[in-house]
Amino acid sequence: MEQKHLFETGAKLVGLYFLVQAFPYLVGSITRAAVLIATTGQAFGRNKLYDTLALASDVLLVVISLFLLRAPQFVRWFAFEEQEDASTSRMEQFFTVGVKLFGVLLAVGTIPSLMRALSYFLFIASSPRDSADTAVRVMGSRGYFVPQLVSIMFGVLLVFRGELLTRWAFPRTEETDQADR
């Protein structure tokens, strides 16, 4: 496999990495907005600029990640002078292995933050003070579990069904089917 094609596969893996990194923050921003809407009737709190920039950066990171997954040849065009056609079957194999390994990294790497959120929630919930339930609702610590659980489930999905993402990142055409034969 040539360096250009390895770069393209690596760019797709980088896109996957940043997509997964952005997803919990995006879910957290949406959860925060939902809590604010439920409690105050507004999507953004007192720090409207911060909330807007945080949401915009999450959305931008998701868009860039999807771009890297679907169109890494554009980035390769900047990194390498020539583009050549080659069989993508080996790239797909390397990408699938990388996706599955990334799933392991994601699932295992998210466990500590889930445990911190769980311990924080249990500390507040087991507090003898009457205001503990109010603090949990206002601070939204119940919502802290959602991003971590989604990340762990996504990691497990990548481990067991990484081929689904490979099929999406490497769309099959008649030309690629014939070139692989």
Protein backbone atom coordinates (compact mmCIF):
# COMPACT_ATOMS: atom_id res chain seq x y z
CA MET A 1 0.00 0.00 0.00
CA GLU A 2 1.35 3.39 -0.94
CA GLN A 3 1.95 6.27 1.42
CA LYS A 4 -0.84 8.33 -0.15
CA HIS A 5 -3.43 5.65 0.50
CA LEU A 6 -2.22 5.06 4.03
CA PHE A 7 -2.55 8.80 4.59
CA GLU A 8 -6.12 8.72 3.30
CA THR A 9 -6.98 5.83 5.61
CA GLY A 10 -5.31 7.64 8.50
CA ALA A 11 -7.30 10.79 7.72
CA LYS A 12 -10.50 8.74 7.95
CA LEU A 13 -9.39 7.35 11.31
CA VAL A 14 -8.59 10.88 12.52
CA GLY A 15 -12.06 11.94 11.37
CA LEU A 16 -13.55 9.06 13.33
CA TYR A 17 -11.50 9.98 16.40
CA PHE A 18 -12.64 13.61 16.38
CA LEU A 19 -16.24 12.64 15.62
CA VAL A 20 -16.30 10.46 18.71
CA GLN A 21 -14.51 13.15 20.74
CA ALA A 22 -17.06 15.78 19.68
CA PHE A 23 -20.13 13.62 20.21
CA PRO A 24 -20.18 13.63 24.05
CA TYR A 25 -19.66 17.40 24.10
CA LEU A 26 -22.44 17.87 21.57
CA VAL A 27 -24.79 15.65 23.59
CA GLY A 28 -23.77 17.57 26.73
CA SER A 29 -24.51 20.92 25.07
CA ILE A 30 -27.89 19.68 23.87
CA THR A 31 -28.66 18.27 27.33
CA ARG A 32 -27.63 21.57 28.95
CA ALA A 33 -29.86 23.49 26.53
CA ALA A 34 -32.76 21.12 27.26
CA VAL A 35 -32.33 21.63 31.03
CA LEU A 36 -32.20 25.41 30.57
CA ILE A 37 -35.31 25.34 28.39
CA ALA A 38 -37.12 23.22 30.97
CA THR A 39 -36.13 25.44 33.90
CA THR A 40 -35.97 28.94 32.40
CA GLY A 41 -37.68 28.69 29.03
CA GLN A 42 -34.48 29.80 27.23
CA ALA A 43 -31.99 27.70 25.29
CA PHE A 44 -28.99 29.66 26.58
CA GLY A 45 -28.21 30.84 30.09
CA ARG A 46 -26.54 33.99 31.33
CA ASN A 47 -23.40 33.24 29.34
CA LYS A 48 -25.08 33.28 25.92
CA LEU A 49 -21.84 33.92 24.05
CA TYR A 50 -20.08 31.01 25.77
CA ASP A 51 -23.01 28.66 25.22
CA THR A 52 -23.31 29.67 21.55
CA LEU A 53 -19.58 29.28 20.91
CA ALA A 54 -19.46 25.94 22.71
CA LEU A 55 -22.34 24.57 20.65
CA ALA A 56 -20.92 26.02 17.43
CA SER A 57 -17.50 24.47 18.08
CA ASP A 58 -19.09 21.09 18.75
CA VAL A 59 -21.09 21.27 15.52
CA LEU A 60 -18.02 22.45 13.57
CA LEU A 61 -15.94 19.56 14.89
CA VAL A 62 -18.65 17.09 13.86
CA VAL A 63 -18.80 18.61 10.35
CA ILE A 64 -15.01 18.49 9.93
CA SER A 65 -14.96 14.91 11.21
CA LEU A 66 -17.63 13.83 8.74
CA PHE A 67 -15.69 15.58 5.98
CA LEU A 68 -12.52 13.66 6.91
CA LEU A 69 -14.45 10.39 6.92
CA ARG A 70 -16.14 10.95 3.57
CA ALA A 71 -13.65 13.05 1.57
CA PRO A 72 -10.09 12.44 2.79
CA GLN A 73 -8.82 12.66 -0.79
CA PHE A 74 -9.26 16.43 -0.54
CA VAL A 75 -6.87 16.52 2.42
CA ARG A 76 -4.57 14.08 0.61
CA TRP A 77 -4.53 16.48 -2.33
CA PHE A 78 -2.90 19.07 -0.05
CA ALA A 79 -0.44 16.61 1.45
CA PHE A 80 0.64 14.86 -1.78
CA GLU A 81 1.14 16.25 -5.26
CA GLU A 82 -0.27 13.42 -7.39
CA GLN A 83 -3.33 11.28 -7.02
CA GLU A 84 -3.32 7.75 -8.32
CA ASP A 85 -5.95 5.09 -8.53
CA ALA A 86 -5.41 1.87 -6.62
CA SER A 87 -7.40 -0.95 -5.13
CA THR A 88 -9.12 0.08 -1.93
CA SER A 89 -9.63 -3.42 -0.54
CA ARG A 90 -6.45 -3.26 1.59
CA MET A 91 -7.35 0.24 2.79
CA GLU A 92 -10.74 -1.07 3.84
CA GLN A 93 -9.10 -3.90 5.76
CA PHE A 94 -6.71 -1.56 7.56
CA PHE A 95 -9.54 0.88 8.28
CA THR A 96 -11.74 -1.89 9.72
CA VAL A 97 -8.93 -3.04 12.01
CA GLY A 98 -8.33 0.57 13.07
CA VAL A 99 -12.05 1.12 13.73
CA LYS A 100 -12.26 -1.97 15.91
CA LEU A 101 -9.13 -0.97 17.84
CA PHE A 102 -10.51 2.52 18.26
CA GLY A 103 -13.73 1.00 19.63
CA VAL A 104 -11.70 -0.78 22.30
CA LEU A 105 -9.87 2.46 23.11
CA LEU A 106 -13.13 4.39 23.31
CA ALA A 107 -15.03 1.90 25.45
CA VAL A 108 -12.19 1.38 27.91
CA GLY A 109 -11.09 5.03 27.93
CA THR A 110 -14.58 6.28 28.81
CA ILE A 111 -14.97 4.09 31.90
CA PRO A 112 -13.04 6.47 34.23
CA SER A 113 -15.18 9.50 33.34
CA LEU A 114 -18.33 7.40 33.78
CA MET A 115 -17.13 6.33 37.20
CA ARG A 116 -16.37 9.95 38.18
CA ALA A 117 -19.85 11.02 37.09
CA LEU A 118 -21.36 8.11 39.00
CA SER A 119 -19.40 8.91 42.17
CA TYR A 120 -20.35 12.59 41.91
CA PHE A 121 -24.01 11.69 41.49
CA LEU A 122 -23.97 9.22 44.38
CA PHE A 123 -22.22 11.73 46.64
CA ILE A 124 -24.90 14.35 46.01
CA ALA A 125 -27.79 11.88 46.06
CA SER A 126 -26.71 10.31 49.35
CA SER A 127 -26.24 13.66 51.03
CA PRO A 128 -28.41 13.96 54.16
CA ARG A 129 -29.31 17.51 53.25
CA ASP A 130 -32.80 18.18 51.94
CA SER A 131 -31.35 20.19 49.08
CA ALA A 132 -29.48 17.25 47.54
CA ASP A 133 -32.29 16.37 45.12
CA THR A 134 -32.66 20.02 44.13
CA ALA A 135 -28.91 20.28 43.54
CA VAL A 136 -28.96 17.19 41.34
CA ARG A 137 -31.84 18.58 39.28
CA VAL A 138 -30.42 22.10 38.95
CA MET A 139 -26.89 20.97 38.14
CA GLY A 140 -28.15 18.28 35.81
CA SER A 141 -25.73 15.64 37.05
CA ARG A 142 -28.16 12.95 35.96
CA GLY A 143 -27.45 14.08 32.39
CA TYR A 144 -23.71 13.55 32.84
CA PHE A 145 -24.22 9.82 32.46
CA VAL A 146 -25.70 10.05 28.98
CA PRO A 147 -22.55 11.13 27.07
CA GLN A 148 -20.36 8.53 28.78
CA LEU A 149 -22.87 5.72 28.30
CA VAL A 150 -23.33 6.66 24.65
CA SER A 151 -19.55 6.69 24.15
CA ILE A 152 -19.14 3.25 25.72
CA MET A 153 -22.01 1.84 23.66
CA PHE A 154 -20.55 3.41 20.50
CA GLY A 155 -17.14 1.87 21.32
CA VAL A 156 -18.71 -1.56 21.77
CA LEU A 157 -20.61 -1.10 18.51
CA LEU A 158 -17.35 -0.25 16.71
CA VAL A 159 -15.69 -3.37 18.09
CA PHE A 160 -18.45 -5.72 17.03
CA ARG A 161 -19.77 -3.96 13.91
CA GLY A 162 -16.86 -1.85 12.61
CA GLU A 163 -17.55 -3.11 9.11
CA LEU A 164 -20.68 -0.94 9.00
CA LEU A 165 -18.58 2.20 9.34
CA THR A 166 -16.10 0.85 6.79
CA ARG A 167 -18.90 0.40 4.25
CA TRP A 168 -20.04 3.96 4.88
CA ALA A 169 -16.53 5.49 4.73
CA PHE A 170 -15.60 3.49 1.59
CA PRO A 171 -18.68 3.60 -0.62
CA ARG A 172 -18.68 0.87 -3.25
CA THR A 173 -19.04 1.75 -6.92
CA GLU A 174 -18.89 -0.36 -10.03
CA GLU A 175 -15.33 0.85 -10.67
CA THR A 176 -14.08 -0.22 -7.24
CA ASP A 177 -15.84 -3.56 -7.52
CA GLN A 178 -14.13 -4.22 -10.86
CA ALA A 179 -10.73 -2.97 -9.64
CA ASP A 180 -10.86 -5.31 -6.64
CA ARG A 181 -11.47 -8.34 -8.85
